Amino acid sequence: MDVQGPSPVVVISAEDIKSRGYTDIFEALNSLNQNTGGSLNQQNSFSFTPTAQAVNLRGLGVGRSLILIDGKRLPMFPLGAGGAENFTDIGQIPIAAVERIEVLTDGASAIYGSDAMSGVVNVILKKDYEGAEVKLRTGDAHEGGYQNNRLEILAGTAGERSRVTFIGQFQNKN
């Protein structure tokens, strides 16, 4: 991970994700010291948001972190965290599509607005990919009870005037 520039920016590359064994974007962001104060994950099965994942930079709440994909805002999750706080679901972004994750860890509300009070997460996706990859990952706890499987398919081709990239991720967690 690199920290660079006048405002602290933490960069998590695809190599970092692979070498540290993160299974999704939530795990990569959850490993940061700046992500504190109870993030929202998919283990909250009896909540208003049983399938969503959200980041809580600097402990200011899940609705105070701006999530971008290639510099563009993602829509809000249809249900509020705790029934009241709007947030962006990072669980919808397949980890196979990620080139790097840039995290501006200071408040950036002067630039981006009030939804960036605690910081900004910009997920940069892979582009100009040529070839095909299929990855299967499976795991389980020693005593059982947390079996997880993930299938990733990444394929792409680029020509002179066009490019096509297909990224699919199928995941099952118990």
C-alpha atoms as a PDB file:
ATOM      1  CA  MET A   1       0.000   0.000   0.000  1.00  0.00           C
ATOM      2  CA  ASP A   2       1.223   3.499  -0.840  1.00  0.00           C
ATOM      3  CA  VAL A   3       0.453   6.759   0.904  1.00  0.00           C
ATOM      4  CA  GLN A   4       1.047   9.749  -1.353  1.00  0.00           C
ATOM      5  CA  GLY A   5       0.191  13.402  -2.023  1.00  0.00           C
ATOM      6  CA  PRO A   6      -0.784  16.336   0.191  1.00  0.00           C
ATOM      7  CA  SER A   7      -4.008  14.622   1.264  1.00  0.00           C
ATOM      8  CA  PRO A   8      -3.332  11.102   2.483  1.00  0.00           C
ATOM      9  CA  VAL A   9      -4.358   8.630  -0.204  1.00  0.00           C
ATOM     10  CA  VAL A  10      -4.040   4.925   0.483  1.00  0.00           C
ATOM     11  CA  VAL A  11      -3.778   2.747  -2.620  1.00  0.00           C
ATOM     12  CA  ILE A  12      -4.621  -0.965  -2.498  1.00  0.00           C
ATOM     13  CA  SER A  13      -3.523  -2.598  -5.750  1.00  0.00           C
ATOM     14  CA  ALA A  14      -4.806  -5.803  -7.362  1.00  0.00           C
ATOM     15  CA  GLU A  15      -1.494  -7.394  -6.313  1.00  0.00           C
ATOM     16  CA  ASP A  16      -2.125  -6.395  -2.676  1.00  0.00           C
ATOM     17  CA  ILE A  17      -5.606  -7.901  -2.896  1.00  0.00           C
ATOM     18  CA  LYS A  18      -4.235 -11.138  -4.325  1.00  0.00           C
ATOM     19  CA  SER A  19      -1.236 -11.460  -1.997  1.00  0.00           C
ATOM     20  CA  ARG A  20      -3.264 -10.774   1.155  1.00  0.00           C
ATOM     21  CA  GLY A  21      -6.101 -13.106   0.127  1.00  0.00           C
ATOM     22  CA  TYR A  22      -8.964 -10.621   0.351  1.00  0.00           C
ATOM     23  CA  THR A  23     -12.179 -12.225  -0.880  1.00  0.00           C
ATOM     24  CA  ASP A  24     -14.032  -8.967  -1.548  1.00  0.00           C
ATOM     25  CA  ILE A  25     -13.668  -5.192  -1.467  1.00  0.00           C
ATOM     26  CA  PHE A  26     -15.120  -5.081   2.044  1.00  0.00           C
ATOM     27  CA  GLU A  27     -12.246  -7.194   3.402  1.00  0.00           C
ATOM     28  CA  ALA A  28      -9.650  -5.004   1.687  1.00  0.00           C
ATOM     29  CA  LEU A  29     -11.181  -1.810   3.083  1.00  0.00           C
ATOM     30  CA  ASN A  30     -11.839  -3.371   6.484  1.00  0.00           C
ATOM     31  CA  SER A  31      -8.091  -3.968   6.849  1.00  0.00           C
ATOM     32  CA  LEU A  32      -7.395  -0.212   6.841  1.00  0.00           C
ATOM     33  CA  ASN A  33      -6.740   1.596  10.131  1.00  0.00           C
ATOM     34  CA  GLN A  34      -8.988   4.408   8.884  1.00  0.00           C
ATOM     35  CA  ASN A  35     -12.013   2.088   8.666  1.00  0.00           C
ATOM     36  CA  THR A  36     -13.262   2.146  12.242  1.00  0.00           C
ATOM     37  CA  GLY A  37     -16.461   2.285  14.174  1.00  0.00           C
ATOM     38  CA  GLY A  38     -18.386  -0.766  13.066  1.00  0.00           C
ATOM     39  CA  SER A  39     -18.624  -1.346   9.340  1.00  0.00           C
ATOM     40  CA  LEU A  40     -21.718  -2.897   7.850  1.00  0.00           C
ATOM     41  CA  ASN A  41     -21.118  -6.405   6.525  1.00  0.00           C
ATOM     42  CA  GLN A  42     -23.150  -9.327   5.225  1.00  0.00           C
ATOM     43  CA  GLN A  43     -23.139 -11.022   8.641  1.00  0.00           C
ATOM     44  CA  ASN A  44     -25.879  -8.632   9.827  1.00  0.00           C
ATOM     45  CA  SER A  45     -28.552 -11.042   8.666  1.00  0.00           C
ATOM     46  CA  PHE A  46     -31.346  -9.794  10.962  1.00  0.00           C
ATOM     47  CA  SER A  47     -30.986  -6.126  10.077  1.00  0.00           C
ATOM     48  CA  PHE A  48     -32.564  -3.758   7.581  1.00  0.00           C
ATOM     49  CA  THR A  49     -29.716  -4.513   5.137  1.00  0.00           C
ATOM     50  CA  PRO A  50     -28.946  -8.257   5.266  1.00  0.00           C
ATOM     51  CA  THR A  51     -26.938  -8.476   2.028  1.00  0.00           C
ATOM     52  CA  ALA A  52     -25.135  -5.134   1.980  1.00  0.00           C
ATOM     53  CA  GLN A  53     -21.581  -4.129   2.831  1.00  0.00           C
ATOM     54  CA  ALA A  54     -20.462  -0.604   3.683  1.00  0.00           C
ATOM     55  CA  VAL A  55     -17.312   1.146   4.806  1.00  0.00           C
ATOM     56  CA  ASN A  56     -17.162   3.409   7.886  1.00  0.00           C
ATOM     57  CA  LEU A  57     -14.104   5.626   7.454  1.00  0.00           C
ATOM     58  CA  ARG A  58     -12.978   7.409  10.626  1.00  0.00           C
ATOM     59  CA  GLY A  59     -16.008   6.124  12.542  1.00  0.00           C
ATOM     60  CA  LEU A  60     -18.363   8.840  11.278  1.00  0.00           C
ATOM     61  CA  GLY A  61     -20.992   6.417   9.973  1.00  0.00           C
ATOM     62  CA  VAL A  62     -21.496   4.334   6.857  1.00  0.00           C
ATOM     63  CA  GLY A  63     -23.363   7.134   5.096  1.00  0.00           C
ATOM     64  CA  ARG A  64     -20.486   9.606   5.397  1.00  0.00           C
ATOM     65  CA  SER A  65     -18.066   7.840   3.003  1.00  0.00           C
ATOM     66  CA  LEU A  66     -18.367   8.541  -0.716  1.00  0.00           C
ATOM     67  CA  ILE A  67     -17.939   5.468  -2.930  1.00  0.00           C
ATOM     68  CA  LEU A  68     -16.899   5.976  -6.566  1.00  0.00           C
ATOM     69  CA  ILE A  69     -16.228   3.626  -9.477  1.00  0.00           C
ATOM     70  CA  ASP A  70     -13.732   5.149 -11.897  1.00  0.00           C
ATOM     71  CA  GLY A  71     -14.560   8.557 -10.427  1.00  0.00           C
ATOM     72  CA  LYS A  72     -18.349   8.224 -10.789  1.00  0.00           C
ATOM     73  CA  ARG A  73     -20.778   7.989  -7.881  1.00  0.00           C
ATOM     74  CA  LEU A  74     -22.622   4.776  -7.114  1.00  0.00           C
ATOM     75  CA  PRO A  75     -26.329   4.868  -6.218  1.00  0.00           C
ATOM     76  CA  MET A  76     -27.446   4.497  -2.618  1.00  0.00           C
ATOM     77  CA  PHE A  77     -28.664   1.163  -1.247  1.00  0.00           C
ATOM     78  CA  PRO A  78     -32.502   1.131  -1.268  1.00  0.00           C
ATOM     79  CA  LEU A  79     -32.777   0.564   2.505  1.00  0.00           C
ATOM     80  CA  GLY A  80     -31.044   2.645   5.157  1.00  0.00           C
ATOM     81  CA  ALA A  81     -28.536   1.181   7.620  1.00  0.00           C
ATOM     82  CA  GLY A  82     -30.393   0.777  10.891  1.00  0.00           C
ATOM     83  CA  GLY A  83     -33.480   1.878   9.019  1.00  0.00           C
ATOM     84  CA  ALA A  84     -32.295   5.486   8.841  1.00  0.00           C
ATOM     85  CA  GLU A  85     -28.827   6.109   7.349  1.00  0.00           C
ATOM     86  CA  ASN A  86     -28.329   6.072   3.555  1.00  0.00           C
ATOM     87  CA  PHE A  87     -25.167   4.391   2.295  1.00  0.00           C
ATOM     88  CA  THR A  88     -23.577   2.822  -0.775  1.00  0.00           C
ATOM     89  CA  ASP A  89     -23.280  -0.971  -1.019  1.00  0.00           C
ATOM     90  CA  ILE A  90     -19.680  -1.977  -1.834  1.00  0.00           C
ATOM     91  CA  GLY A  91     -20.680  -5.657  -1.963  1.00  0.00           C
ATOM     92  CA  GLN A  92     -22.015  -5.208  -5.502  1.00  0.00           C
ATOM     93  CA  ILE A  93     -18.527  -4.614  -6.975  1.00  0.00           C
ATOM     94  CA  PRO A  94     -16.805  -7.867  -8.038  1.00  0.00           C
ATOM     95  CA  ILE A  95     -13.243  -8.131  -6.715  1.00  0.00           C
ATOM     96  CA  ALA A  96     -12.138  -9.647 -10.046  1.00  0.00           C
ATOM     97  CA  ALA A  97     -12.871  -6.312 -11.729  1.00  0.00           C
ATOM     98  CA  VAL A  98     -10.605  -4.249  -9.466  1.00  0.00           C
ATOM     99  CA  GLU A  99      -7.335  -2.777 -10.759  1.00  0.00           C
ATOM    100  CA  ARG A 100      -6.804  -0.748  -7.561  1.00  0.00           C
ATOM    101  CA  ILE A 101      -8.686   0.954  -4.756  1.00  0.00           C
ATOM    102  CA  GLU A 102      -7.786   4.539  -3.880  1.00  0.00           C
ATOM    103  CA  VAL A 103      -8.905   5.783  -0.468  1.00  0.00           C
ATOM    104  CA  LEU A 104      -8.772   9.479   0.404  1.00  0.00           C
ATOM    105  CA  THR A 105      -8.741   9.154   4.175  1.00  0.00           C
ATOM    106  CA  ASP A 106      -9.331  12.801   5.087  1.00  0.00           C
ATOM    107  CA  GLY A 107     -12.706  14.447   4.877  1.00  0.00           C
ATOM    108  CA  ALA A 108     -13.391  15.633   1.344  1.00  0.00           C
ATOM    109  CA  SER A 109     -16.790  17.277   1.753  1.00  0.00           C
ATOM    110  CA  ALA A 110     -15.528  20.606   0.398  1.00  0.00           C
ATOM    111  CA  ILE A 111     -14.804  18.915  -2.937  1.00  0.00           C
ATOM    112  CA  TYR A 112     -17.405  16.128  -3.184  1.00  0.00           C
ATOM    113  CA  GLY A 113     -20.232  17.195  -0.868  1.00  0.00           C
ATOM    114  CA  SER A 114     -21.550  16.100   2.510  1.00  0.00           C
ATOM    115  CA  ASP A 115     -21.522  12.380   1.671  1.00  0.00           C
ATOM    116  CA  ALA A 116     -17.690  12.557   1.668  1.00  0.00           C
ATOM    117  CA  MET A 117     -17.287  13.853   5.233  1.00  0.00           C
ATOM    118  CA  SER A 118     -15.210  10.885   6.334  1.00  0.00           C
ATOM    119  CA  GLY A 119     -13.402  10.262   3.043  1.00  0.00           C
ATOM    120  CA  VAL A 120     -13.665   8.920  -0.483  1.00  0.00           C
ATOM    121  CA  VAL A 121     -13.179   5.399  -1.838  1.00  0.00           C
ATOM    122  CA  ASN A 122     -12.516   5.278  -5.590  1.00  0.00           C
ATOM    123  CA  VAL A 123     -12.530   1.782  -7.111  1.00  0.00           C
ATOM    124  CA  ILE A 124     -10.601   1.721 -10.394  1.00  0.00           C
ATOM    125  CA  LEU A 125     -11.705  -1.118 -12.689  1.00  0.00           C
ATOM    126  CA  LYS A 126      -9.569  -3.110 -15.103  1.00  0.00           C
ATOM    127  CA  LYS A 127      -9.532  -1.838 -18.686  1.00  0.00           C
ATOM    128  CA  ASP A 128      -7.969  -3.023 -21.948  1.00  0.00           C
ATOM    129  CA  TYR A 129      -7.845  -6.600 -20.698  1.00  0.00           C
ATOM    130  CA  GLU A 130      -6.977  -9.185 -23.344  1.00  0.00           C
ATOM    131  CA  GLY A 131      -7.305 -12.894 -22.683  1.00  0.00           C
ATOM    132  CA  ALA A 132      -9.430 -15.076 -20.440  1.00  0.00           C
ATOM    133  CA  GLU A 133      -9.184 -16.262 -16.838  1.00  0.00           C
ATOM    134  CA  VAL A 134     -11.352 -18.503 -14.735  1.00  0.00           C
ATOM    135  CA  LYS A 135     -10.664 -18.720 -11.005  1.00  0.00           C
ATOM    136  CA  LEU A 136     -12.352 -20.898  -8.426  1.00  0.00           C
ATOM    137  CA  ARG A 137     -11.801 -20.292  -4.743  1.00  0.00           C
ATOM    138  CA  THR A 138     -13.283 -22.373  -1.963  1.00  0.00           C
ATOM    139  CA  GLY A 139     -12.802 -22.310   1.774  1.00  0.00           C
ATOM    140  CA  ASP A 140     -14.196 -23.521   5.064  1.00  0.00           C
ATOM    141  CA  ALA A 141     -13.513 -23.007   8.758  1.00  0.00           C
ATOM    142  CA  HIS A 142     -11.643 -25.758  10.620  1.00  0.00           C
ATOM    143  CA  GLU A 143     -14.755 -26.752  12.546  1.00  0.00           C
ATOM    144  CA  GLY A 144     -17.107 -25.960   9.667  1.00  0.00           C
ATOM    145  CA  GLY A 145     -19.802 -23.320   9.596  1.00  0.00           C
ATOM    146  CA  TYR A 146     -18.296 -20.816   7.172  1.00  0.00           C
ATOM    147  CA  GLN A 147     -18.093 -22.529   3.829  1.00  0.00           C
ATOM    148  CA  ASN A 148     -17.546 -20.083   0.981  1.00  0.00           C
ATOM    149  CA  ASN A 149     -17.134 -20.521  -2.747  1.00  0.00           C
ATOM    150  CA  ARG A 150     -16.372 -17.982  -5.433  1.00  0.00           C
ATOM    151  CA  LEU A 151     -16.105 -18.345  -9.199  1.00  0.00           C
ATOM    152  CA  GLU A 152     -14.571 -15.480 -11.184  1.00  0.00           C
ATOM    153  CA  ILE A 153     -14.621 -15.171 -14.943  1.00  0.00           C
ATOM    154  CA  LEU A 154     -12.586 -12.457 -16.635  1.00  0.00           C
ATOM    155  CA  ALA A 155     -12.393 -12.187 -20.426  1.00  0.00           C
ATOM    156  CA  GLY A 156     -11.618  -9.399 -22.816  1.00  0.00           C
ATOM    157  CA  THR A 157     -10.407  -8.329 -26.179  1.00  0.00           C
ATOM    158  CA  ALA A 158      -9.316  -4.998 -27.612  1.00  0.00           C
ATOM    159  CA  GLY A 159      -9.208  -3.805 -31.174  1.00  0.00           C
ATOM    160  CA  GLU A 160      -8.174  -0.580 -32.853  1.00  0.00           C
ATOM    161  CA  ARG A 161     -11.402   1.244 -32.116  1.00  0.00           C
ATOM    162  CA  SER A 162     -13.126  -0.846 -29.488  1.00  0.00           C
ATOM    163  CA  ARG A 163     -12.657  -3.011 -26.461  1.00  0.00           C
ATOM    164  CA  VAL A 164     -14.861  -5.495 -24.657  1.00  0.00           C
ATOM    165  CA  THR A 165     -14.342  -6.763 -21.135  1.00  0.00           C
ATOM    166  CA  PHE A 166     -16.561  -9.288 -19.372  1.00  0.00           C
ATOM    167  CA  ILE A 167     -16.249  -9.761 -15.635  1.00  0.00           C
ATOM    168  CA  GLY A 168     -18.492 -12.121 -13.724  1.00  0.00           C
ATOM    169  CA  GLN A 169     -18.326 -13.194 -10.116  1.00  0.00           C
ATOM    170  CA  PHE A 170     -20.550 -15.806  -8.519  1.00  0.00           C
ATOM    171  CA  GLN A 171     -20.290 -16.157  -4.781  1.00  0.00           C
ATOM    172  CA  ASN A 172     -21.860 -18.405  -2.145  1.00  0.00           C
ATOM    173  CA  LYS A 173     -21.296 -18.008   1.595  1.00  0.00           C
ATOM    174  CA  ASN A 174     -22.780 -20.050   4.404  1.00  0.00           C
END
